[in-house]
N, C-alpha and C. Protein backbone atom coordinates (compact mmCIF):
# COMPACT_ATOMS: atom_id res chain seq x y z
N MET A 1 135.19 127.66 140.89
CA MET A 1 135.37 128.82 141.72
C MET A 1 135.12 128.44 143.18
N ALA A 2 135.99 128.89 144.05
CA ALA A 2 135.86 128.58 145.46
C ALA A 2 134.70 129.38 146.08
N LYS A 3 134.14 128.82 147.13
CA LYS A 3 133.08 129.54 147.82
C LYS A 3 133.65 130.80 148.44
N LYS A 4 132.83 131.80 148.52
CA LYS A 4 133.27 133.08 149.07
C LYS A 4 133.69 132.94 150.53
N SER A 5 133.04 132.04 151.25
CA SER A 5 133.36 131.85 152.66
C SER A 5 134.79 131.34 152.84
N TRP A 6 135.27 130.51 151.90
CA TRP A 6 136.64 129.99 152.00
C TRP A 6 137.66 131.11 151.79
N THR A 7 137.41 131.95 150.80
CA THR A 7 138.35 133.04 150.54
C THR A 7 138.34 134.05 151.67
N GLU A 8 137.15 134.31 152.23
CA GLU A 8 137.06 135.24 153.37
C GLU A 8 137.77 134.68 154.59
N ARG A 9 137.65 133.38 154.82
CA ARG A 9 138.34 132.73 155.94
C ARG A 9 139.84 132.86 155.78
N ASP A 10 140.32 132.70 154.55
CA ASP A 10 141.75 132.82 154.28
C ASP A 10 142.25 134.24 154.53
N LYS A 11 141.44 135.23 154.16
CA LYS A 11 141.82 136.63 154.42
C LYS A 11 141.89 136.89 155.93
N ARG A 12 140.93 136.33 156.66
CA ARG A 12 140.92 136.50 158.12
C ARG A 12 142.16 135.87 158.75
N LYS A 13 142.55 134.69 158.25
CA LYS A 13 143.75 134.03 158.76
C LYS A 13 144.99 134.86 158.47
N GLN A 14 145.03 135.47 157.28
CA GLN A 14 146.17 136.31 156.91
C GLN A 14 146.31 137.49 157.86
N LYS A 15 145.19 138.11 158.22
CA LYS A 15 145.21 139.22 159.18
C LYS A 15 145.72 138.77 160.53
N THR A 16 145.25 137.61 161.00
CA THR A 16 145.65 137.09 162.30
C THR A 16 147.14 136.78 162.33
N VAL A 17 147.65 136.20 161.27
CA VAL A 17 149.08 135.88 161.20
C VAL A 17 149.90 137.16 161.28
N SER A 18 149.52 138.17 160.51
CA SER A 18 150.28 139.42 160.52
C SER A 18 150.16 140.14 161.86
N LYS A 19 149.02 140.00 162.53
CA LYS A 19 148.81 140.66 163.82
C LYS A 19 149.73 140.08 164.90
N TYR A 20 149.91 138.76 164.89
CA TYR A 20 150.68 138.10 165.94
C TYR A 20 152.12 137.78 165.52
N ALA A 21 152.57 138.23 164.36
CA ALA A 21 153.89 137.86 163.85
C ALA A 21 155.02 138.27 164.80
N LYS A 22 155.01 139.52 165.24
CA LYS A 22 156.08 140.01 166.12
C LYS A 22 156.08 139.27 167.46
N LEU A 23 154.90 139.09 168.02
CA LEU A 23 154.78 138.41 169.30
C LEU A 23 155.26 136.97 169.20
N ARG A 24 154.90 136.28 168.10
CA ARG A 24 155.35 134.90 167.89
C ARG A 24 156.87 134.84 167.81
N GLU A 25 157.45 135.79 167.08
CA GLU A 25 158.91 135.83 166.93
C GLU A 25 159.59 136.04 168.28
N GLN A 26 159.02 136.94 169.07
CA GLN A 26 159.57 137.23 170.40
C GLN A 26 159.47 136.01 171.32
N LEU A 27 158.32 135.35 171.31
CA LEU A 27 158.14 134.17 172.16
C LEU A 27 159.05 133.03 171.73
N LYS A 28 159.27 132.89 170.44
CA LYS A 28 160.17 131.85 169.95
C LYS A 28 161.60 132.14 170.38
N ALA A 29 162.01 133.42 170.34
CA ALA A 29 163.36 133.79 170.75
C ALA A 29 163.58 133.50 172.23
N GLU A 30 162.54 133.72 173.03
CA GLU A 30 162.63 133.45 174.47
C GLU A 30 162.40 131.98 174.80
N LYS A 31 162.02 131.20 173.79
CA LYS A 31 161.71 129.77 173.96
C LYS A 31 160.57 129.56 174.97
N ASP A 32 159.61 130.47 174.89
CA ASP A 32 158.43 130.40 175.75
C ASP A 32 157.33 129.64 175.02
N TYR A 33 157.38 128.32 175.08
CA TYR A 33 156.45 127.49 174.32
C TYR A 33 155.05 127.48 174.93
N VAL A 34 154.96 127.75 176.21
CA VAL A 34 153.65 127.85 176.84
C VAL A 34 152.94 129.10 176.32
N GLY A 35 153.67 130.19 176.23
CA GLY A 35 153.10 131.42 175.68
C GLY A 35 152.68 131.24 174.23
N LEU A 36 153.49 130.52 173.47
CA LEU A 36 153.15 130.25 172.07
C LEU A 36 151.87 129.44 171.96
N SER A 37 151.70 128.49 172.85
CA SER A 37 150.51 127.64 172.78
C SER A 37 149.25 128.40 173.18
N MET A 38 149.40 129.52 173.86
CA MET A 38 148.24 130.30 174.27
C MET A 38 147.75 131.24 173.16
N LEU A 39 148.55 131.41 172.11
CA LEU A 39 148.12 132.23 170.98
C LEU A 39 147.04 131.49 170.20
N PRO A 40 146.24 132.22 169.43
CA PRO A 40 145.22 131.54 168.61
C PRO A 40 145.86 130.62 167.58
N ARG A 41 145.17 129.57 167.22
CA ARG A 41 145.70 128.62 166.25
C ARG A 41 145.97 129.28 164.91
N ASP A 42 145.10 130.18 164.51
CA ASP A 42 145.25 130.82 163.20
C ASP A 42 146.40 131.83 163.17
N ALA A 43 147.09 132.03 164.28
CA ALA A 43 148.23 132.92 164.30
C ALA A 43 149.47 132.26 163.70
N SER A 44 149.41 130.96 163.49
CA SER A 44 150.54 130.23 162.91
C SER A 44 150.53 130.37 161.39
N PRO A 45 151.65 130.77 160.78
CA PRO A 45 151.69 130.93 159.33
C PRO A 45 151.53 129.60 158.58
N THR A 46 151.69 128.50 159.26
CA THR A 46 151.53 127.19 158.63
C THR A 46 150.08 126.97 158.20
N ARG A 47 149.16 127.62 158.85
CA ARG A 47 147.75 127.41 158.55
C ARG A 47 147.27 128.20 157.33
N LEU A 48 148.13 129.04 156.77
CA LEU A 48 147.76 129.79 155.57
C LEU A 48 147.79 128.87 154.35
N VAL A 49 146.91 129.13 153.41
CA VAL A 49 146.80 128.33 152.20
C VAL A 49 146.98 129.25 151.01
N ASN A 50 147.80 128.85 150.03
CA ASN A 50 147.92 129.62 148.80
C ASN A 50 146.67 129.43 147.97
N ARG A 51 146.08 130.53 147.53
CA ARG A 51 144.86 130.46 146.72
C ARG A 51 145.04 131.29 145.46
N CYS A 52 144.39 130.82 144.41
CA CYS A 52 144.40 131.52 143.12
C CYS A 52 143.75 132.89 143.30
N SER A 53 144.40 133.92 142.77
CA SER A 53 143.83 135.27 142.92
C SER A 53 142.59 135.47 142.06
N ALA A 54 142.43 134.68 141.01
CA ALA A 54 141.28 134.83 140.12
C ALA A 54 140.09 133.98 140.58
N THR A 55 140.33 132.72 140.92
CA THR A 55 139.22 131.81 141.20
C THR A 55 139.12 131.39 142.65
N GLY A 56 140.21 131.50 143.42
CA GLY A 56 140.19 131.07 144.81
C GLY A 56 140.55 129.61 144.98
N ARG A 57 140.87 128.93 143.88
CA ARG A 57 141.23 127.51 143.93
C ARG A 57 142.57 127.35 144.66
N ARG A 58 142.69 126.29 145.47
CA ARG A 58 143.92 126.10 146.23
C ARG A 58 144.81 125.00 145.67
N ARG A 59 144.24 124.11 144.90
CA ARG A 59 145.05 123.05 144.31
C ARG A 59 145.68 123.52 143.00
N ALA A 60 146.81 122.93 142.66
CA ALA A 60 147.52 123.25 141.42
C ALA A 60 147.82 124.74 141.34
N PHE A 61 148.32 125.30 142.42
CA PHE A 61 148.63 126.73 142.52
C PHE A 61 150.02 126.99 141.99
N MET A 62 150.16 127.98 141.13
CA MET A 62 151.47 128.38 140.59
C MET A 62 151.90 129.65 141.32
N ARG A 63 152.89 129.51 142.18
CA ARG A 63 153.29 130.61 143.05
C ARG A 63 153.80 131.82 142.28
N ARG A 64 154.53 131.57 141.20
CA ARG A 64 155.13 132.66 140.42
C ARG A 64 154.07 133.62 139.87
N PHE A 65 152.92 133.08 139.50
CA PHE A 65 151.86 133.90 138.91
C PHE A 65 150.69 134.11 139.86
N SER A 66 150.68 133.44 140.97
CA SER A 66 149.60 133.42 141.97
C SER A 66 148.26 133.08 141.32
N LEU A 67 148.31 132.09 140.43
CA LEU A 67 147.12 131.60 139.75
C LEU A 67 147.10 130.08 139.80
N SER A 68 145.91 129.51 139.66
CA SER A 68 145.81 128.07 139.51
C SER A 68 146.16 127.71 138.07
N ARG A 69 146.38 126.44 137.81
CA ARG A 69 146.78 126.02 136.47
C ARG A 69 145.69 126.31 135.45
N ILE A 70 144.43 126.23 135.87
CA ILE A 70 143.32 126.47 134.96
C ILE A 70 143.24 127.94 134.58
N ALA A 71 143.31 128.82 135.58
CA ALA A 71 143.26 130.25 135.32
C ALA A 71 144.49 130.69 134.53
N PHE A 72 145.65 130.10 134.85
CA PHE A 72 146.87 130.43 134.13
C PHE A 72 146.72 130.11 132.65
N ARG A 73 146.17 128.95 132.34
CA ARG A 73 146.01 128.53 130.95
C ARG A 73 145.06 129.46 130.21
N GLU A 74 143.96 129.84 130.86
CA GLU A 74 143.01 130.75 130.24
C GLU A 74 143.64 132.11 129.97
N TYR A 75 144.31 132.67 130.96
CA TYR A 75 144.92 134.00 130.81
C TYR A 75 146.05 133.98 129.79
N ALA A 76 146.84 132.91 129.79
CA ALA A 76 147.94 132.80 128.83
C ALA A 76 147.41 132.68 127.41
N SER A 77 146.33 131.94 127.22
CA SER A 77 145.74 131.78 125.89
C SER A 77 145.19 133.10 125.37
N GLN A 78 144.70 133.92 126.26
CA GLN A 78 144.16 135.23 125.87
C GLN A 78 145.25 136.28 125.73
N GLY A 79 146.48 135.92 126.14
CA GLY A 79 147.60 136.87 126.04
C GLY A 79 147.62 137.89 127.15
N LEU A 80 147.03 137.58 128.28
CA LEU A 80 146.95 138.53 129.40
C LEU A 80 148.15 138.46 130.33
N ILE A 81 148.98 137.43 130.17
CA ILE A 81 150.17 137.30 131.02
C ILE A 81 151.39 137.65 130.16
N PRO A 82 152.08 138.76 130.45
CA PRO A 82 153.20 139.16 129.62
C PRO A 82 154.37 138.17 129.71
N GLY A 83 154.97 137.90 128.58
CA GLY A 83 156.16 137.04 128.54
C GLY A 83 155.84 135.57 128.42
N VAL A 84 154.58 135.18 128.44
CA VAL A 84 154.20 133.78 128.34
C VAL A 84 153.67 133.51 126.94
N THR A 85 154.31 132.56 126.26
CA THR A 85 153.84 132.21 124.91
C THR A 85 153.64 130.70 124.85
N LYS A 86 152.81 130.29 123.92
CA LYS A 86 152.57 128.87 123.73
C LYS A 86 153.80 128.25 123.07
N SER A 87 154.19 127.12 123.57
CA SER A 87 155.40 126.47 123.08
C SER A 87 155.02 125.37 122.09
N SER A 88 155.84 125.24 121.02
CA SER A 88 155.66 124.12 120.08
C SER A 88 157.02 123.75 119.51
N TRP A 89 157.23 122.47 119.28
CA TRP A 89 158.50 122.03 118.73
C TRP A 89 158.33 120.83 117.84
């Protein structure tokens, strides 16, 4: 499980990105790179990290389910993810 501070930092970055999204788009359209550089670093969407919604883990993230591979396996084994079944051949 990720530390709470990491998940809170990620939430703060998400807010900052959404706050400056329109302004960034406008500055990019005007090709005002000096203005872009004056924005906070966390305003860039590149700095966002995908995190597991259950555990906060960032590695081995499955975008379709927004879970890490470990949480996905646990939930799938318990039958909590609809449409996912164990495969055997």
